[in-house]
Amino acid sequence: MRIIPVILFSIAAFAADKDFNGRWDISANTKPRPRAWWMELKDVGTPNPSGKFVSAYAGDMNNIDSISVDKGELKLIFKRPNRGKKPGALPDMIYTAHLVKGKLVGSFMIDGQKTPPIEWTGVRAPVIKDKDDRSWKEGTPIQLFNGKDLSGWKGLVPEAEVKWTVSDGILRNAPPTTDIVSEQSFWNFKLHTDFRIVEKSNSGIGLRGRYEIQIFDDFGKPPGTHGAAALYARIAPSVNASKPAGEWQSYDIRLVGRTLTVVHNGTKVLDKVEIEGLTAIAINSDEAKPGPFIVQGDHSNVEIKSFVVTPLTK
């Protein structure tokens, strides 16, 4: 009779470990820039757990090096590659969390740091039922950039100097500066934007404040997950349709639910691909709600001469 409670306790503990599995949208208490992270865990509660994280470092899709659960506490460890000139390994990045009423309540720190850890919370990523079928109708196009000034846009980082100007109908940044965010939020839509970059430019367009379509100077190079028109760090374009730096280029982007299509300079390069989750540009983690557009300006130069959004509705 005494064996039964022990067995039941073991089963309950194993089930609790498995409760960490799945996709999680994470809100991080970071300042001054707001950030949202994403995580997918598999096989937690077995000898071979695995996971992916956006983004522990380098704005990338990072594999989690170590995953463990001890007495209800999840522990994730990332071992960063040392690309600098200093010898030796970089300190580990450590994330810990507990499940509280179905949510993750966690903290993040670099091993050995003296400052308080960053606090974060995670909720399960929602199932979004909208699909890009023939039932969506185009609404009235909205000129989000009026060609005159920054009306309808604001700086992403509070109190940061917004070094964006408009002249001759063109919106320009003067990096380094903050990204800009649209004051309006959108759900399903079509976007047409015309942009121009200089050599070695690196920018991007954030959709719903969560998913980045990369802008990058990579004319003539193979397509990749960090190249132009990629869903950043997630899905590479089928071909590289970039023009040389200094020429005007265009994106036609269609987003319905998690279904994404991108036409780059007239060539369809992402065809109804499925967005699994957030990219590193994300500033909010609530994937079930509309979100703003972001134009990335903190890296290097970018110019915009049109930004037209057409809402899609039933």
C-alpha atoms as a PDB file:
ATOM      1  CA  MET A   1       0.000   0.000   0.000  1.00  0.00           C
ATOM      2  CA  ARG A   2       2.879   2.402   0.656  1.00  0.00           C
ATOM      3  CA  ILE A   3       4.226   2.023  -2.937  1.00  0.00           C
ATOM      4  CA  ILE A   4       1.162   3.565  -4.579  1.00  0.00           C
ATOM      5  CA  PRO A   5       1.589   7.150  -3.250  1.00  0.00           C
ATOM      6  CA  VAL A   6       5.239   7.136  -4.326  1.00  0.00           C
ATOM      7  CA  ILE A   7       4.281   6.053  -7.849  1.00  0.00           C
ATOM      8  CA  LEU A   8       1.538   8.674  -8.072  1.00  0.00           C
ATOM      9  CA  PHE A   9       3.922  11.381  -6.880  1.00  0.00           C
ATOM     10  CA  SER A  10       6.498  10.398  -9.515  1.00  0.00           C
ATOM     11  CA  ILE A  11       3.920  10.524 -12.293  1.00  0.00           C
ATOM     12  CA  ALA A  12       2.731  13.964 -11.145  1.00  0.00           C
ATOM     13  CA  ALA A  13       6.287  15.308 -11.083  1.00  0.00           C
ATOM     14  CA  PHE A  14       6.986  13.947 -14.576  1.00  0.00           C
ATOM     15  CA  ALA A  15       3.764  15.525 -15.898  1.00  0.00           C
ATOM     16  CA  ALA A  16       4.791  18.883 -14.410  1.00  0.00           C
ATOM     17  CA  ASP A  17       8.080  18.747 -16.317  1.00  0.00           C
ATOM     18  CA  LYS A  18       6.201  18.068 -19.555  1.00  0.00           C
ATOM     19  CA  ASP A  19       4.039  21.126 -18.962  1.00  0.00           C
ATOM     20  CA  PHE A  20       6.978  23.302 -20.035  1.00  0.00           C
ATOM     21  CA  ASN A  21       6.788  21.932 -23.583  1.00  0.00           C
ATOM     22  CA  GLY A  22       5.332  24.022 -26.396  1.00  0.00           C
ATOM     23  CA  ARG A  23       5.684  27.477 -27.893  1.00  0.00           C
ATOM     24  CA  TRP A  24       5.863  30.487 -25.599  1.00  0.00           C
ATOM     25  CA  ASP A  25       5.521  34.223 -26.245  1.00  0.00           C
ATOM     26  CA  ILE A  26       7.625  36.112 -23.736  1.00  0.00           C
ATOM     27  CA  SER A  27       7.414  39.675 -22.424  1.00  0.00           C
ATOM     28  CA  ALA A  28      10.737  40.915 -21.045  1.00  0.00           C
ATOM     29  CA  ASN A  29      11.193  43.788 -18.631  1.00  0.00           C
ATOM     30  CA  THR A  30      13.952  45.445 -20.669  1.00  0.00           C
ATOM     31  CA  LYS A  31      14.776  49.142 -20.786  1.00  0.00           C
ATOM     32  CA  PRO A  32      14.979  51.456 -22.556  1.00  0.00           C
ATOM     33  CA  ARG A  33      13.938  49.364 -25.579  1.00  0.00           C
ATOM     34  CA  PRO A  34      10.881  47.144 -25.135  1.00  0.00           C
ATOM     35  CA  ARG A  35      11.530  43.555 -26.224  1.00  0.00           C
ATOM     36  CA  ALA A  36       9.577  40.365 -26.676  1.00  0.00           C
ATOM     37  CA  TRP A  37      11.123  36.898 -26.942  1.00  0.00           C
ATOM     38  CA  TRP A  38       9.912  33.520 -28.211  1.00  0.00           C
ATOM     39  CA  MET A  39      10.707  29.984 -27.178  1.00  0.00           C
ATOM     40  CA  GLU A  40       9.832  26.460 -28.269  1.00  0.00           C
ATOM     41  CA  LEU A  41      10.565  23.512 -25.974  1.00  0.00           C
ATOM     42  CA  LYS A  42      10.284  19.836 -26.893  1.00  0.00           C
ATOM     43  CA  ASP A  43      10.666  16.607 -24.911  1.00  0.00           C
ATOM     44  CA  VAL A  44      11.131  18.307 -21.558  1.00  0.00           C
ATOM     45  CA  GLY A  45      10.604  15.565 -18.984  1.00  0.00           C
ATOM     46  CA  THR A  46      12.575  13.057 -21.077  1.00  0.00           C
ATOM     47  CA  PRO A  47      16.320  12.385 -21.195  1.00  0.00           C
ATOM     48  CA  ASN A  48      16.670  14.378 -24.443  1.00  0.00           C
ATOM     49  CA  PRO A  49      14.948  17.782 -24.242  1.00  0.00           C
ATOM     50  CA  SER A  50      15.549  20.366 -26.957  1.00  0.00           C
ATOM     51  CA  GLY A  51      14.585  23.944 -27.631  1.00  0.00           C
ATOM     52  CA  LYS A  52      14.886  27.107 -29.714  1.00  0.00           C
ATOM     53  CA  PHE A  53      14.875  30.704 -28.509  1.00  0.00           C
ATOM     54  CA  VAL A  54      14.467  34.132 -30.172  1.00  0.00           C
ATOM     55  CA  SER A  55      16.632  35.832 -29.227  1.00  0.00           C
ATOM     56  CA  ALA A  56      19.140  35.067 -26.501  1.00  0.00           C
ATOM     57  CA  TYR A  57      22.002  36.707 -28.443  1.00  0.00           C
ATOM     58  CA  ALA A  58      22.848  38.236 -31.829  1.00  0.00           C
ATOM     59  CA  GLY A  59      19.178  38.752 -32.691  1.00  0.00           C
ATOM     60  CA  ASP A  60      19.088  35.186 -33.944  1.00  0.00           C
ATOM     61  CA  MET A  61      17.217  31.915 -33.630  1.00  0.00           C
ATOM     62  CA  ASN A  62      19.359  30.317 -30.911  1.00  0.00           C
ATOM     63  CA  ASN A  63      19.477  26.647 -29.991  1.00  0.00           C
ATOM     64  CA  ILE A  64      19.288  26.075 -26.247  1.00  0.00           C
ATOM     65  CA  ASP A  65      22.442  24.280 -25.109  1.00  0.00           C
ATOM     66  CA  SER A  66      21.128  22.869 -21.843  1.00  0.00           C
ATOM     67  CA  ILE A  67      17.575  22.316 -20.568  1.00  0.00           C
ATOM     68  CA  SER A  68      16.765  20.933 -17.126  1.00  0.00           C
ATOM     69  CA  VAL A  69      14.005  20.984 -14.527  1.00  0.00           C
ATOM     70  CA  ASP A  70      14.742  20.663 -10.824  1.00  0.00           C
ATOM     71  CA  LYS A  71      11.930  20.771  -8.262  1.00  0.00           C
ATOM     72  CA  GLY A  72       9.649  22.629 -10.651  1.00  0.00           C
ATOM     73  CA  GLU A  73      12.257  25.159 -11.824  1.00  0.00           C
ATOM     74  CA  LEU A  74      13.099  25.274 -15.526  1.00  0.00           C
ATOM     75  CA  LYS A  75      16.706  26.165 -16.292  1.00  0.00           C
ATOM     76  CA  LEU A  76      18.025  27.052 -19.742  1.00  0.00           C
ATOM     77  CA  ILE A  77      21.704  27.655 -20.520  1.00  0.00           C
ATOM     78  CA  PHE A  78      23.164  29.280 -23.633  1.00  0.00           C
ATOM     79  CA  LYS A  79      26.869  29.112 -24.461  1.00  0.00           C
ATOM     80  CA  ARG A  80      27.660  32.096 -26.669  1.00  0.00           C
ATOM     81  CA  PRO A  81      30.269  31.831 -29.431  1.00  0.00           C
ATOM     82  CA  ASN A  82      33.270  34.069 -28.774  1.00  0.00           C
ATOM     83  CA  ARG A  83      33.764  36.104 -31.935  1.00  0.00           C
ATOM     84  CA  GLY A  84      35.903  38.775 -30.295  1.00  0.00           C
ATOM     85  CA  LYS A  85      39.618  39.175 -29.779  1.00  0.00           C
ATOM     86  CA  LYS A  86      39.677  38.256 -26.098  1.00  0.00           C
ATOM     87  CA  PRO A  87      40.641  34.642 -25.405  1.00  0.00           C
ATOM     88  CA  GLY A  88      38.455  32.221 -23.481  1.00  0.00           C
ATOM     89  CA  ALA A  89      34.762  31.406 -23.374  1.00  0.00           C
ATOM     90  CA  LEU A  90      32.092  34.011 -22.714  1.00  0.00           C
ATOM     91  CA  PRO A  91      30.022  33.624 -19.524  1.00  0.00           C
ATOM     92  CA  ASP A  92      26.913  31.481 -19.894  1.00  0.00           C
ATOM     93  CA  MET A  93      23.493  33.071 -20.308  1.00  0.00           C
ATOM     94  CA  ILE A  94      21.044  31.580 -17.826  1.00  0.00           C
ATOM     95  CA  TYR A  95      17.247  31.681 -17.941  1.00  0.00           C
ATOM     96  CA  THR A  96      15.132  30.214 -15.135  1.00  0.00           C
ATOM     97  CA  ALA A  97      11.349  29.991 -14.792  1.00  0.00           C
ATOM     98  CA  HIS A  98       8.495  28.461 -12.830  1.00  0.00           C
ATOM     99  CA  LEU A  99       4.998  27.653 -14.029  1.00  0.00           C
ATOM    100  CA  VAL A 100       2.447  29.796 -12.207  1.00  0.00           C
ATOM    101  CA  LYS A 101      -1.213  29.270 -13.164  1.00  0.00           C
ATOM    102  CA  GLY A 102      -0.219  28.181 -16.659  1.00  0.00           C
ATOM    103  CA  LYS A 103       2.231  31.044 -17.245  1.00  0.00           C
ATOM    104  CA  LEU A 104       6.003  31.163 -17.066  1.00  0.00           C
ATOM    105  CA  VAL A 105       7.456  33.544 -14.503  1.00  0.00           C
ATOM    106  CA  GLY A 106      11.185  33.832 -14.994  1.00  0.00           C
ATOM    107  CA  SER A 107      14.443  35.714 -14.804  1.00  0.00           C
ATOM    108  CA  PHE A 108      17.533  36.080 -16.972  1.00  0.00           C
ATOM    109  CA  MET A 109      21.137  36.785 -16.079  1.00  0.00           C
ATOM    110  CA  ILE A 110      24.651  36.356 -17.388  1.00  0.00           C
ATOM    111  CA  ASP A 111      26.647  34.040 -15.168  1.00  0.00           C
ATOM    112  CA  GLY A 112      28.553  36.066 -12.600  1.00  0.00           C
ATOM    113  CA  GLN A 113      26.787  39.386 -13.164  1.00  0.00           C
ATOM    114  CA  LYS A 114      26.431  41.686 -10.156  1.00  0.00           C
ATOM    115  CA  THR A 115      23.325  43.589 -11.297  1.00  0.00           C
ATOM    116  CA  PRO A 116      19.742  42.324 -10.715  1.00  0.00           C
ATOM    117  CA  PRO A 117      18.429  39.843 -13.299  1.00  0.00           C
ATOM    118  CA  ILE A 118      15.903  40.758 -15.995  1.00  0.00           C
ATOM    119  CA  GLU A 119      12.405  39.590 -15.104  1.00  0.00           C
ATOM    120  CA  TRP A 120      10.150  38.067 -17.757  1.00  0.00           C
ATOM    121  CA  THR A 121       6.823  36.299 -18.196  1.00  0.00           C
ATOM    122  CA  GLY A 122       5.677  33.848 -20.842  1.00  0.00           C
ATOM    123  CA  VAL A 123       2.290  32.753 -22.148  1.00  0.00           C
ATOM    124  CA  ARG A 124       1.502  29.993 -24.597  1.00  0.00           C
ATOM    125  CA  ALA A 125       1.566  31.166 -28.198  1.00  0.00           C
ATOM    126  CA  PRO A 126      -1.997  31.332 -29.539  1.00  0.00           C
ATOM    127  CA  VAL A 127      -3.469  29.299 -32.363  1.00  0.00           C
ATOM    128  CA  ILE A 128      -4.434  31.822 -35.047  1.00  0.00           C
ATOM    129  CA  LYS A 129      -7.227  30.470 -37.230  1.00  0.00           C
ATOM    130  CA  ASP A 130      -7.172  33.086 -40.015  1.00  0.00           C
ATOM    131  CA  LYS A 131      -5.921  31.598 -43.288  1.00  0.00           C
ATOM    132  CA  ASP A 132      -5.033  33.320 -46.539  1.00  0.00           C
ATOM    133  CA  ASP A 133      -7.892  32.001 -48.634  1.00  0.00           C
ATOM    134  CA  ARG A 134     -10.120  33.828 -51.115  1.00  0.00           C
ATOM    135  CA  SER A 135     -12.488  35.197 -48.480  1.00  0.00           C
ATOM    136  CA  TRP A 136     -10.498  38.352 -47.621  1.00  0.00           C
ATOM    137  CA  LYS A 137     -11.551  41.691 -49.101  1.00  0.00           C
ATOM    138  CA  GLU A 138      -9.394  44.759 -49.520  1.00  0.00           C
ATOM    139  CA  GLY A 139     -10.334  47.853 -47.566  1.00  0.00           C
ATOM    140  CA  THR A 140      -9.369  51.450 -48.236  1.00  0.00           C
ATOM    141  CA  PRO A 141      -5.601  51.954 -48.660  1.00  0.00           C
ATOM    142  CA  ILE A 142      -3.949  54.017 -45.933  1.00  0.00           C
ATOM    143  CA  GLN A 143      -0.934  56.225 -46.674  1.00  0.00           C
ATOM    144  CA  LEU A 144       1.036  55.694 -43.471  1.00  0.00           C
ATOM    145  CA  PHE A 145       3.788  58.009 -44.729  1.00  0.00           C
ATOM    146  CA  ASN A 146       2.361  61.317 -45.975  1.00  0.00           C
ATOM    147  CA  GLY A 147       5.529  62.485 -47.771  1.00  0.00           C
ATOM    148  CA  LYS A 148       5.713  65.625 -45.631  1.00  0.00           C
ATOM    149  CA  ASP A 149       6.584  64.768 -42.039  1.00  0.00           C
ATOM    150  CA  LEU A 150       6.553  62.043 -39.371  1.00  0.00           C
ATOM    151  CA  SER A 151       2.839  62.327 -38.631  1.00  0.00           C
ATOM    152  CA  GLY A 152       1.525  58.926 -37.563  1.00  0.00           C
ATOM    153  CA  TRP A 153       4.922  57.674 -36.385  1.00  0.00           C
ATOM    154  CA  LYS A 154       6.811  57.837 -33.099  1.00  0.00           C
ATOM    155  CA  GLY A 155      10.184  56.783 -31.761  1.00  0.00           C
ATOM    156  CA  LEU A 156      10.402  53.265 -30.385  1.00  0.00           C
ATOM    157  CA  VAL A 157      12.725  54.100 -27.488  1.00  0.00           C
ATOM    158  CA  PRO A 158      11.169  56.629 -25.102  1.00  0.00           C
ATOM    159  CA  GLU A 159      13.127  59.880 -24.739  1.00  0.00           C
ATOM    160  CA  ALA A 160      15.615  58.856 -27.452  1.00  0.00           C
ATOM    161  CA  GLU A 161      16.393  61.463 -30.108  1.00  0.00           C
ATOM    162  CA  VAL A 162      14.384  60.676 -33.233  1.00  0.00           C
ATOM    163  CA  LYS A 163      16.870  61.442 -35.991  1.00  0.00           C
ATOM    164  CA  TRP A 164      14.479  60.926 -38.895  1.00  0.00           C
ATOM    165  CA  THR A 165      13.713  63.715 -41.367  1.00  0.00           C
ATOM    166  CA  VAL A 166      11.591  64.229 -44.473  1.00  0.00           C
ATOM    167  CA  SER A 167      12.740  66.158 -47.516  1.00  0.00           C
ATOM    168  CA  ASP A 168      11.662  66.009 -51.170  1.00  0.00           C
ATOM    169  CA  GLY A 169       9.008  63.454 -50.179  1.00  0.00           C
ATOM    170  CA  ILE A 170      11.547  60.991 -48.768  1.00  0.00           C
ATOM    171  CA  LEU A 171      11.831  59.778 -45.189  1.00  0.00           C
ATOM    172  CA  ARG A 172      15.451  59.353 -44.046  1.00  0.00           C
ATOM    173  CA  ASN A 173      17.172  58.307 -40.846  1.00  0.00           C
ATOM    174  CA  ALA A 174      20.534  59.478 -39.507  1.00  0.00           C
ATOM    175  CA  PRO A 175      21.929  56.460 -37.656  1.00  0.00           C
ATOM    176  CA  PRO A 176      22.446  55.643 -34.953  1.00  0.00           C
ATOM    177  CA  THR A 177      18.910  56.519 -33.935  1.00  0.00           C
ATOM    178  CA  THR A 178      15.805  54.818 -32.635  1.00  0.00           C
ATOM    179  CA  ASP A 179      13.488  52.710 -34.779  1.00  0.00           C
ATOM    180  CA  ILE A 180      10.135  54.314 -35.558  1.00  0.00           C
ATOM    181  CA  VAL A 181       6.741  52.746 -34.892  1.00  0.00           C
ATOM    182  CA  SER A 182       3.377  53.480 -36.502  1.00  0.00           C
ATOM    183  CA  GLU A 183       0.734  54.899 -34.189  1.00  0.00           C
ATOM    184  CA  GLN A 184      -1.891  52.732 -35.887  1.00  0.00           C
ATOM    185  CA  SER A 185      -2.067  48.976 -35.381  1.00  0.00           C
ATOM    186  CA  PHE A 186      -3.111  46.420 -37.990  1.00  0.00           C
ATOM    187  CA  TRP A 187      -4.126  42.768 -38.163  1.00  0.00           C
ATOM    188  CA  ASN A 188      -4.477  41.310 -41.675  1.00  0.00           C
ATOM    189  CA  PHE A 189      -3.193  43.556 -44.464  1.00  0.00           C
ATOM    190  CA  LYS A 190      -1.296  44.224 -47.660  1.00  0.00           C
ATOM    191  CA  LEU A 191       1.703  46.553 -47.503  1.00  0.00           C
ATOM    192  CA  HIS A 192       3.493  48.267 -50.372  1.00  0.00           C
ATOM    193  CA  THR A 193       6.679  50.141 -49.566  1.00  0.00           C
ATOM    194  CA  ASP A 194       9.410  51.653 -51.718  1.00  0.00           C
ATOM    195  CA  PHE A 195      12.812  51.953 -50.068  1.00  0.00           C
ATOM    196  CA  ARG A 196      16.440  52.699 -50.868  1.00  0.00           C
ATOM    197  CA  ILE A 197      19.641  51.757 -49.056  1.00  0.00           C
ATOM    198  CA  VAL A 198      23.362  52.491 -49.266  1.00  0.00           C
ATOM    199  CA  GLU A 199      26.216  49.987 -49.342  1.00  0.00           C
ATOM    200  CA  LYS A 200      26.352  47.731 -46.276  1.00  0.00           C
ATOM    201  CA  SER A 201      22.925  48.906 -45.102  1.00  0.00           C
ATOM    202  CA  ASN A 202      20.938  46.794 -42.664  1.00  0.00           C
ATOM    203  CA  SER A 203      17.331  47.679 -41.850  1.00  0.00           C
ATOM    204  CA  GLY A 204      13.956  45.979 -41.722  1.00  0.00           C
ATOM    205  CA  ILE A 205      10.181  46.283 -41.599  1.00  0.00           C
ATOM    206  CA  GLY A 206       8.432  44.936 -38.496  1.00  0.00           C
ATOM    207  CA  LEU A 207       4.920  43.529 -39.041  1.00  0.00           C
ATOM    208  CA  ARG A 208       2.443  43.791 -36.131  1.00  0.00           C
ATOM    209  CA  GLY A 209       5.450  44.831 -34.074  1.00  0.00           C
ATOM    210  CA  ARG A 210       6.607  41.189 -34.083  1.00  0.00           C
ATOM    211  CA  TYR A 211       7.859  39.812 -37.398  1.00  0.00           C
ATOM    212  CA  GLU A 212      10.732  41.370 -39.347  1.00  0.00           C
ATOM    213  CA  ILE A 213      11.146  41.361 -43.100  1.00  0.00           C
ATOM    214  CA  GLN A 214      14.841  42.069 -43.534  1.00  0.00           C
ATOM    215  CA  ILE A 215      16.200  44.970 -45.607  1.00  0.00           C
ATOM    216  CA  PHE A 216      19.830  44.296 -46.456  1.00  0.00           C
ATOM    217  CA  ASP A 217      22.517  45.154 -48.991  1.00  0.00           C
ATOM    218  CA  ASP A 218      23.161  41.709 -50.485  1.00  0.00           C
ATOM    219  CA  PHE A 219      22.843  42.178 -54.252  1.00  0.00           C
ATOM    220  CA  GLY A 220      24.213  39.158 -56.126  1.00  0.00           C
ATOM    221  CA  LYS A 221      24.622  36.969 -53.039  1.00  0.00           C
ATOM    222  CA  PRO A 222      22.839  33.672 -52.286  1.00  0.00           C
ATOM    223  CA  PRO A 223      19.520  34.001 -50.432  1.00  0.00           C
ATOM    224  CA  GLY A 224      19.617  33.386 -46.693  1.00  0.00           C
ATOM    225  CA  THR A 225      17.680  33.786 -43.470  1.00  0.00           C
ATOM    226  CA  HIS A 226      19.546  37.044 -42.750  1.00  0.00           C
ATOM    227  CA  GLY A 227      19.331  38.399 -46.297  1.00  0.00           C
ATOM    228  CA  ALA A 228      16.933  40.795 -47.988  1.00  0.00           C
ATOM    229  CA  ALA A 229      13.239  39.778 -47.930  1.00  0.00           C
ATOM    230  CA  ALA A 230      13.849  37.005 -45.406  1.00  0.00           C
ATOM    231  CA  LEU A 231      11.539  36.489 -42.458  1.00  0.00           C
ATOM    232  CA  TYR A 232      14.484  37.357 -40.281  1.00  0.00           C
ATOM    233  CA  ALA A 233      16.409  34.366 -38.884  1.00  0.00           C
ATOM    234  CA  ARG A 234      13.497  32.079 -39.751  1.00  0.00           C
ATOM    235  CA  ILE A 235      12.706  31.693 -43.471  1.00  0.00           C
ATOM    236  CA  ALA A 236      14.974  32.553 -46.409  1.00  0.00           C
ATOM    237  CA  PRO A 237      13.524  33.911 -49.662  1.00  0.00           C
ATOM    238  CA  SER A 238      13.354  31.455 -52.553  1.00  0.00           C
ATOM    239  CA  VAL A 239      15.656  33.712 -54.608  1.00  0.00           C
ATOM    240  CA  ASN A 240      17.603  36.907 -53.978  1.00  0.00           C
ATOM    241  CA  ALA A 241      15.753  39.647 -55.873  1.00  0.00           C
ATOM    242  CA  SER A 242      17.803  42.546 -54.479  1.00  0.00           C
ATOM    243  CA  LYS A 243      18.920  45.453 -56.626  1.00  0.00           C
ATOM    244  CA  PRO A 244      22.281  47.174 -56.114  1.00  0.00           C
ATOM    245  CA  ALA A 245      22.526  49.658 -53.260  1.00  0.00           C
ATOM    246  CA  GLY A 246      21.454  53.133 -54.334  1.00  0.00           C
ATOM    247  CA  GLU A 247      18.500  51.932 -56.458  1.00  0.00           C
ATOM    248  CA  TRP A 248      14.882  52.146 -55.367  1.00  0.00           C
ATOM    249  CA  GLN A 249      13.401  48.786 -54.386  1.00  0.00           C
ATOM    250  CA  SER A 250       9.974  47.570 -53.329  1.00  0.00           C
ATOM    251  CA  TYR A 251       8.293  45.097 -51.011  1.00  0.00           C
ATOM    252  CA  ASP A 252       4.712  43.944 -51.427  1.00  0.00           C
ATOM    253  CA  ILE A 253       3.861  42.078 -48.248  1.00  0.00           C
ATOM    254  CA  ARG A 254       0.639  40.213 -47.452  1.00  0.00           C
ATOM    255  CA  LEU A 255      -0.045  38.902 -43.959  1.00  0.00           C
ATOM    256  CA  VAL A 256      -3.180  36.945 -42.998  1.00  0.00           C
ATOM    257  CA  GLY A 257      -3.072  35.222 -39.633  1.00  0.00           C
ATOM    258  CA  ARG A 258       0.325  33.531 -39.661  1.00  0.00           C
ATOM    259  CA  THR A 259       0.416  33.209 -43.466  1.00  0.00           C
ATOM    260  CA  LEU A 260       2.992  35.475 -45.107  1.00  0.00           C
ATOM    261  CA  THR A 261       3.691  36.324 -48.748  1.00  0.00           C
ATOM    262  CA  VAL A 262       6.482  38.683 -49.856  1.00  0.00           C
ATOM    263  CA  VAL A 263       7.088  40.041 -53.368  1.00  0.00           C
ATOM    264  CA  HIS A 264      10.503  41.695 -53.707  1.00  0.00           C
ATOM    265  CA  ASN A 265      10.991  43.966 -56.722  1.00  0.00           C
ATOM    266  CA  GLY A 266       8.200  42.141 -58.535  1.00  0.00           C
ATOM    267  CA  THR A 267       9.435  38.629 -57.724  1.00  0.00           C
ATOM    268  CA  LYS A 268       7.516  36.450 -55.283  1.00  0.00           C
ATOM    269  CA  VAL A 269      10.149  35.218 -52.835  1.00  0.00           C
ATOM    270  CA  LEU A 270       8.010  33.999 -49.901  1.00  0.00           C
ATOM    271  CA  ASP A 271       4.805  32.259 -50.960  1.00  0.00           C
ATOM    272  CA  LYS A 272       2.259  31.711 -48.174  1.00  0.00           C
ATOM    273  CA  VAL A 273       4.862  30.595 -45.665  1.00  0.00           C
ATOM    274  CA  GLU A 274       3.798  30.008 -42.074  1.00  0.00           C
ATOM    275  CA  ILE A 275       5.182  32.241 -39.324  1.00  0.00           C
ATOM    276  CA  GLU A 276       5.975  30.071 -36.302  1.00  0.00           C
ATOM    277  CA  GLY A 277       6.621  32.945 -33.947  1.00  0.00           C
ATOM    278  CA  LEU A 278       8.352  36.198 -33.076  1.00  0.00           C
ATOM    279  CA  THR A 279      11.573  37.525 -34.561  1.00  0.00           C
ATOM    280  CA  ALA A 280      14.148  39.646 -32.747  1.00  0.00           C
ATOM    281  CA  ILE A 281      12.547  42.957 -33.757  1.00  0.00           C
ATOM    282  CA  ALA A 282       9.494  42.147 -31.600  1.00  0.00           C
ATOM    283  CA  ILE A 283       8.323  44.802 -29.157  1.00  0.00           C
ATOM    284  CA  ASN A 284       5.141  43.072 -27.983  1.00  0.00           C
ATOM    285  CA  SER A 285       4.331  39.420 -27.487  1.00  0.00           C
ATOM    286  CA  ASP A 286       0.551  39.262 -27.803  1.00  0.00           C
ATOM    287  CA  GLU A 287       0.304  37.453 -31.134  1.00  0.00           C
ATOM    288  CA  ALA A 288      -3.509  37.325 -31.002  1.00  0.00           C
ATOM    289  CA  LYS A 289      -3.872  41.119 -31.268  1.00  0.00           C
ATOM    290  CA  PRO A 290      -3.186  43.720 -33.974  1.00  0.00           C
ATOM    291  CA  GLY A 291       0.160  45.478 -33.823  1.00  0.00           C
ATOM    292  CA  PRO A 292       2.057  48.400 -35.373  1.00  0.00           C
ATOM    293  CA  PHE A 293       4.619  48.618 -38.137  1.00  0.00           C
ATOM    294  CA  ILE A 294       8.261  49.215 -37.256  1.00  0.00           C
ATOM    295  CA  VAL A 295      10.893  50.733 -39.531  1.00  0.00           C
ATOM    296  CA  GLN A 296      14.342  49.827 -38.247  1.00  0.00           C
ATOM    297  CA  GLY A 297      16.727  52.757 -38.074  1.00  0.00           C
ATOM    298  CA  ASP A 298      19.215  51.871 -35.358  1.00  0.00           C
ATOM    299  CA  HIS A 299      21.649  49.982 -37.627  1.00  0.00           C
ATOM    300  CA  SER A 300      22.324  51.975 -40.787  1.00  0.00           C
ATOM    301  CA  ASN A 301      20.844  54.178 -43.500  1.00  0.00           C
ATOM    302  CA  VAL A 302      17.453  53.608 -45.078  1.00  0.00           C
ATOM    303  CA  GLU A 303      15.111  55.825 -47.096  1.00  0.00           C
ATOM    304  CA  ILE A 304      11.358  55.383 -47.566  1.00  0.00           C
ATOM    305  CA  LYS A 305       9.263  57.143 -50.203  1.00  0.00           C
ATOM    306  CA  SER A 306       5.983  55.199 -49.888  1.00  0.00           C
ATOM    307  CA  PHE A 307       4.321  53.101 -47.171  1.00  0.00           C
ATOM    308  CA  VAL A 308       0.774  52.124 -48.142  1.00  0.00           C
ATOM    309  CA  VAL A 309      -1.259  49.691 -46.039  1.00  0.00           C
ATOM    310  CA  THR A 310      -4.472  48.069 -47.271  1.00  0.00           C
ATOM    311  CA  PRO A 311      -6.442  46.324 -44.486  1.00  0.00           C
ATOM    312  CA  LEU A 312      -7.902  42.925 -45.322  1.00  0.00           C
ATOM    313  CA  THR A 313     -11.297  42.047 -43.844  1.00  0.00           C
ATOM    314  CA  LYS A 314     -14.020  39.445 -44.262  1.00  0.00           C
END
